[in-house]
């Protein structure tokens, strides 16, 4: 009889499928995807004719290499033509200094002949500069021939009062070792008589990038405006030739081993 009562008051068991459905509805109103099959993800179809980013990168390598090669060939040709042009100018026959000094603006690297007297009391220096002999031989100025451990010095820039004319020009007489910067240490090279020399016309030099200011009468580059303001000279500048060197004086011929610096600064048009 006890068994009959137990069966009467026991709750009938619900089917398993109905129980799972109720649990899914009671969980925050969210749907259960445990028993639902997953839908397949869509796949992107790639165009076989389209080049990928990696492909473009690989194509750019030979194109860039070809372009750089053409640029190097063009630059080599430009430099060779410029060197040939400068050699022709510097080795041309010297001409007298023109009466109209403005003509010198179109005569850079052309040799000219001048006559006058040096104004040594207004001497300037440009440097420091390393010594490179223009012709690979011993200098005429035995005092100025530097030993191997003393090849750093300065260029001596001296105003020259032209004979028979009112103009004063600047002459780069050449290179001296640093220990001979004081004119008293090279008295034999300080010519007081009238001289005749050949020099190469040089124009104003723009200030190099990151170059510091000049220090007194020592200039880092060919700053004609300031040099002329200090000495009272006209804005005319020439590099004395090596043949113009005198015993005990600076070693001339600065243009022969300095003009290559201009090539490195210039850019082809």
Protein backbone atom coordinates (compact mmCIF):
# COMPACT_ATOMS: atom_id res chain seq x y z
CA UNK A 1 0.00 0.00 0.00
CA UNK A 2 2.94 2.26 0.67
CA UNK A 3 4.17 1.67 -2.83
CA UNK A 4 0.82 2.66 -4.28
CA UNK A 5 0.86 5.99 -2.41
CA UNK A 6 4.43 6.69 -3.55
CA UNK A 7 3.48 6.21 -7.15
CA UNK A 8 0.40 8.41 -6.68
CA UNK A 9 2.28 11.47 -5.32
CA UNK A 10 5.54 11.21 -7.34
CA UNK A 11 5.96 13.64 -10.20
CA UNK A 12 6.07 11.95 -13.52
CA UNK A 13 9.45 12.18 -15.27
CA UNK A 14 9.61 14.52 -18.23
CA UNK A 15 11.17 13.46 -21.46
CA UNK A 16 14.87 14.39 -21.87
CA UNK A 17 14.29 16.45 -25.03
CA UNK A 18 11.65 18.63 -23.32
CA UNK A 19 13.92 19.20 -20.30
CA UNK A 20 16.81 20.43 -22.46
CA UNK A 21 14.49 22.83 -24.26
CA UNK A 22 13.36 24.41 -20.98
CA UNK A 23 16.92 24.86 -19.74
CA UNK A 24 17.88 26.65 -22.95
CA UNK A 25 15.00 29.15 -22.60
CA UNK A 26 15.76 29.93 -18.95
CA UNK A 27 19.44 30.89 -19.48
CA UNK A 28 19.09 34.73 -19.84
CA UNK A 29 16.96 34.40 -22.87
CA UNK A 30 19.93 33.35 -24.99
CA UNK A 31 19.69 30.62 -27.51
CA UNK A 32 21.85 27.56 -27.20
CA UNK A 33 23.89 26.61 -30.21
CA UNK A 34 25.36 23.50 -28.67
CA UNK A 35 23.18 21.09 -30.56
CA UNK A 36 22.78 23.21 -33.72
CA UNK A 37 25.14 22.43 -36.57
CA UNK A 38 27.74 25.17 -37.47
CA UNK A 39 27.24 26.98 -40.75
CA UNK A 40 30.23 26.87 -43.13
CA UNK A 41 32.35 30.08 -43.36
CA UNK A 42 32.36 31.89 -46.71
CA UNK A 43 35.65 31.61 -48.61
CA UNK A 44 37.16 34.50 -50.66
CA UNK A 45 37.97 33.63 -54.20
CA UNK A 46 41.35 35.13 -55.30
CA UNK A 47 41.75 36.59 -58.76
CA UNK A 48 44.58 34.66 -60.45
CA UNK A 49 45.44 37.75 -62.55
CA UNK A 50 45.87 40.08 -59.53
CA UNK A 51 49.43 40.76 -58.22
CA UNK A 52 49.83 40.60 -54.48
CA UNK A 53 51.78 43.09 -52.34
CA UNK A 54 54.69 40.66 -52.14
CA UNK A 55 54.71 40.36 -55.91
CA UNK A 56 54.85 44.14 -56.35
CA UNK A 57 57.77 44.29 -53.91
CA UNK A 58 59.71 41.67 -55.84
CA UNK A 59 59.05 43.52 -59.11
CA UNK A 60 60.26 46.81 -57.60
CA UNK A 61 63.74 45.43 -56.78
CA UNK A 62 65.01 44.97 -60.37
CA UNK A 63 63.30 48.21 -61.47
CA UNK A 64 65.05 50.21 -58.72
CA UNK A 65 68.38 48.54 -59.49
CA UNK A 66 68.07 49.41 -63.17
CA UNK A 67 67.21 53.02 -62.34
CA UNK A 68 70.20 53.39 -59.99
CA UNK A 69 72.49 51.90 -62.61
CA UNK A 70 71.33 54.41 -65.24
CA UNK A 71 71.80 57.26 -62.76
CA UNK A 72 75.37 56.15 -61.95
CA UNK A 73 76.28 55.95 -65.64
CA UNK A 74 74.82 59.42 -66.25
CA UNK A 75 76.66 60.87 -63.23
CA UNK A 76 79.96 59.29 -64.33
CA UNK A 77 79.62 60.85 -67.77
CA UNK A 78 78.76 64.23 -66.23
CA UNK A 79 81.81 64.16 -63.93
CA UNK A 80 84.16 63.17 -66.74
CA UNK A 81 82.91 66.06 -68.88
CA UNK A 82 83.26 68.48 -65.97
CA UNK A 83 86.81 67.33 -65.21
CA UNK A 84 87.76 67.68 -68.86
CA UNK A 85 86.23 71.17 -68.99
CA UNK A 86 88.06 72.31 -65.83
CA UNK A 87 91.37 70.93 -67.10
CA UNK A 88 90.98 72.83 -70.35
CA UNK A 89 90.24 76.06 -68.48
CA UNK A 90 93.07 75.81 -65.96
CA UNK A 91 95.63 74.89 -68.65
CA UNK A 92 94.63 77.59 -71.10
CA UNK A 93 96.98 80.47 -71.96
CA UNK A 94 97.04 83.20 -69.26
CA UNK A 95 95.50 86.53 -70.26
CA UNK A 96 95.98 89.99 -68.72
CA UNK A 97 93.55 91.00 -66.03
CA UNK A 98 90.64 92.71 -67.86
CA UNK A 99 90.02 96.40 -67.30
CA UNK A 100 86.38 95.69 -66.53
CA UNK A 101 86.60 93.44 -63.47
CA UNK A 102 82.99 92.34 -63.88
CA UNK A 103 84.15 90.17 -66.79
CA UNK A 104 85.87 87.91 -64.24
CA UNK A 105 82.46 86.60 -63.15
CA UNK A 106 82.43 84.47 -66.33
CA UNK A 107 86.14 83.56 -66.14
CA UNK A 108 86.33 81.21 -63.16
CA UNK A 109 89.24 78.75 -63.45
CA UNK A 110 90.79 80.88 -66.20
CA UNK A 111 94.46 81.90 -65.59
CA UNK A 112 95.26 85.63 -65.61
CA UNK A 113 98.48 87.64 -65.27
CA UNK A 114 98.76 90.42 -62.67
CA UNK A 115 101.47 92.80 -61.47
CA UNK A 116 101.64 94.70 -58.19
CA UNK A 117 102.82 94.82 -54.58
CA UNK A 118 101.68 92.65 -51.70
CA UNK A 119 100.16 94.28 -48.62
CA UNK A 120 101.53 91.83 -46.05
CA UNK A 121 100.15 93.74 -43.07
CA UNK A 122 96.63 92.69 -44.15
CA UNK A 123 97.45 89.01 -44.58
CA UNK A 124 94.62 86.48 -44.04
CA UNK A 125 94.56 82.70 -43.67
CA UNK A 126 92.19 80.09 -44.97
CA UNK A 127 92.03 76.64 -43.48
CA UNK A 128 92.98 74.32 -42.01
CA UNK A 129 94.02 72.53 -45.20
CA UNK A 130 96.02 69.39 -45.87
CA UNK A 131 99.07 69.62 -48.11
CA UNK A 132 98.85 67.85 -51.47
CA UNK A 133 101.56 68.81 -53.90
CA UNK A 134 100.03 69.82 -57.25
CA UNK A 135 102.63 68.00 -59.32
CA UNK A 136 103.88 65.34 -56.93
CA UNK A 137 107.38 66.83 -56.76
CA UNK A 138 109.45 68.69 -54.19
CA UNK A 139 108.43 72.26 -53.59
CA UNK A 140 110.45 75.21 -54.80
CA UNK A 141 110.12 76.56 -51.30
CA UNK A 142 112.39 74.21 -49.34
CA UNK A 143 111.29 75.84 -46.09
CA UNK A 144 107.69 75.03 -46.89
CA UNK A 145 108.20 71.39 -47.90
CA UNK A 146 106.45 69.66 -44.99
CA UNK A 147 107.59 66.42 -43.39
CA UNK A 148 105.19 63.51 -43.41
CA UNK A 149 103.97 64.25 -39.89
CA UNK A 150 103.37 67.98 -40.56
CA UNK A 151 101.04 68.16 -43.55
CA UNK A 152 98.27 70.25 -41.99
CA UNK A 153 98.44 73.99 -42.49
CA UNK A 154 96.75 77.05 -44.00
CA UNK A 155 96.54 79.01 -47.23
CA UNK A 156 97.97 82.52 -47.10
CA UNK A 157 95.65 85.13 -48.68
CA UNK A 158 97.39 88.48 -49.23
CA UNK A 159 95.96 91.66 -50.81
CA UNK A 160 97.83 92.81 -53.94
CA UNK A 161 97.80 96.47 -55.00
CA UNK A 162 97.79 96.40 -58.81
CA UNK A 163 100.46 98.44 -60.57
CA UNK A 164 99.11 101.35 -62.60
CA UNK A 165 95.58 100.74 -61.32
CA UNK A 166 93.53 101.64 -58.28
CA UNK A 167 92.17 98.15 -57.60
CA UNK A 168 93.33 95.84 -54.83
CA UNK A 169 92.74 92.11 -55.33
CA UNK A 170 93.12 89.09 -53.08
CA UNK A 171 95.79 86.52 -53.94
CA UNK A 172 95.93 83.04 -52.44
CA UNK A 173 99.71 82.70 -52.39
CA UNK A 174 99.55 79.03 -51.38
CA UNK A 175 99.99 76.61 -48.49
CA UNK A 176 102.14 76.90 -45.36
CA UNK A 177 102.49 74.58 -42.34
CA UNK A 178 100.66 75.65 -39.22
CA UNK A 179 103.90 76.43 -37.38
CA UNK A 180 104.73 79.10 -40.00
CA UNK A 181 101.50 81.07 -39.69
CA UNK A 182 103.40 83.88 -37.99
CA UNK A 183 104.95 85.99 -40.80
CA UNK A 184 108.07 86.53 -38.66
CA UNK A 185 108.94 82.84 -39.11
CA UNK A 186 109.10 83.21 -42.93
CA UNK A 187 110.56 86.64 -43.56
CA UNK A 188 112.39 85.52 -46.70
CA UNK A 189 109.06 84.76 -48.37
CA UNK A 190 107.50 88.14 -47.57
CA UNK A 191 108.37 89.91 -50.82
CA UNK A 192 108.25 93.71 -50.66
CA UNK A 193 109.20 94.45 -54.28
CA UNK A 194 106.80 94.55 -57.20
CA UNK A 195 105.91 91.07 -58.42
CA UNK A 196 104.35 89.64 -61.56
CA UNK A 197 102.50 86.37 -61.18
CA UNK A 198 99.92 84.15 -62.81
CA UNK A 199 96.83 83.07 -60.95
CA UNK A 200 93.54 81.28 -61.50
CA UNK A 201 90.31 83.24 -61.10
CA UNK A 202 88.08 82.02 -58.28
CA UNK A 203 84.62 83.25 -57.34
CA UNK A 204 82.91 83.55 -53.98
CA UNK A 205 82.34 80.32 -52.08
CA UNK A 206 79.04 79.74 -50.32
CA UNK A 207 79.14 78.76 -46.69
CA UNK A 208 79.22 74.95 -46.38
CA UNK A 209 76.44 73.36 -44.38
CA UNK A 210 77.09 73.16 -40.61
CA UNK A 211 80.26 75.23 -41.03
CA UNK A 212 81.12 77.33 -37.94
CA UNK A 213 81.92 81.03 -38.03
CA UNK A 214 85.31 82.42 -39.04
CA UNK A 215 87.84 82.99 -36.27
CA UNK A 216 89.49 86.40 -36.52
CA UNK A 217 91.69 86.53 -39.62
CA UNK A 218 91.37 82.75 -40.14
CA UNK A 219 88.66 81.89 -42.67
CA UNK A 220 87.14 78.46 -43.16
CA UNK A 221 86.10 79.09 -46.77
CA UNK A 222 86.39 81.73 -49.50
CA UNK A 223 84.06 84.37 -48.08
CA UNK A 224 84.83 87.28 -50.41
CA UNK A 225 82.35 89.66 -48.86
CA UNK A 226 83.89 89.45 -45.40
CA UNK A 227 87.47 89.19 -46.68
CA UNK A 228 87.08 92.35 -48.74
CA UNK A 229 85.37 94.14 -45.86
CA UNK A 230 88.36 93.36 -43.63
CA UNK A 231 91.14 94.21 -46.10
CA UNK A 232 89.50 96.90 -48.22
CA UNK A 233 90.12 94.87 -51.39
CA UNK A 234 87.86 94.53 -54.40
CA UNK A 235 85.89 91.25 -54.68
CA UNK A 236 88.51 89.66 -56.94
CA UNK A 237 90.26 86.47 -55.86
CA UNK A 238 92.93 84.42 -57.64
CA UNK A 239 94.94 81.34 -56.70
CA UNK A 240 98.62 81.92 -57.44
CA UNK A 241 100.17 79.25 -59.65
CA UNK A 242 102.84 76.85 -58.46
CA UNK A 243 105.36 78.63 -60.69
CA UNK A 244 104.73 81.80 -58.67
CA UNK A 245 106.13 80.21 -55.49
CA UNK A 246 109.25 81.81 -54.03
CA UNK A 247 111.92 80.35 -51.70
CA UNK A 248 110.75 80.58 -48.12
CA UNK A 249 107.21 81.47 -49.17
CA UNK A 250 103.93 79.60 -49.48
CA UNK A 251 103.57 76.75 -51.95
CA UNK A 252 101.38 77.96 -54.83
CA UNK A 253 99.14 75.94 -57.10
CA UNK A 254 96.16 75.59 -54.78
CA UNK A 255 93.70 75.26 -57.68
CA UNK A 256 95.49 72.17 -59.01
CA UNK A 257 94.51 70.11 -55.97
CA UNK A 258 91.41 71.90 -54.67
CA UNK A 259 89.03 72.15 -57.60
CA UNK A 260 87.92 68.52 -57.19
CA UNK A 261 86.03 69.66 -54.07
CA UNK A 262 83.81 71.76 -56.32
CA UNK A 263 82.97 68.64 -58.36
CA UNK A 264 81.78 66.84 -55.26
CA UNK A 265 79.50 69.75 -54.29
CA UNK A 266 77.95 70.36 -57.68
CA UNK A 267 74.96 68.46 -59.00
CA UNK A 268 74.28 67.56 -62.62
CA UNK A 269 71.55 69.62 -64.31
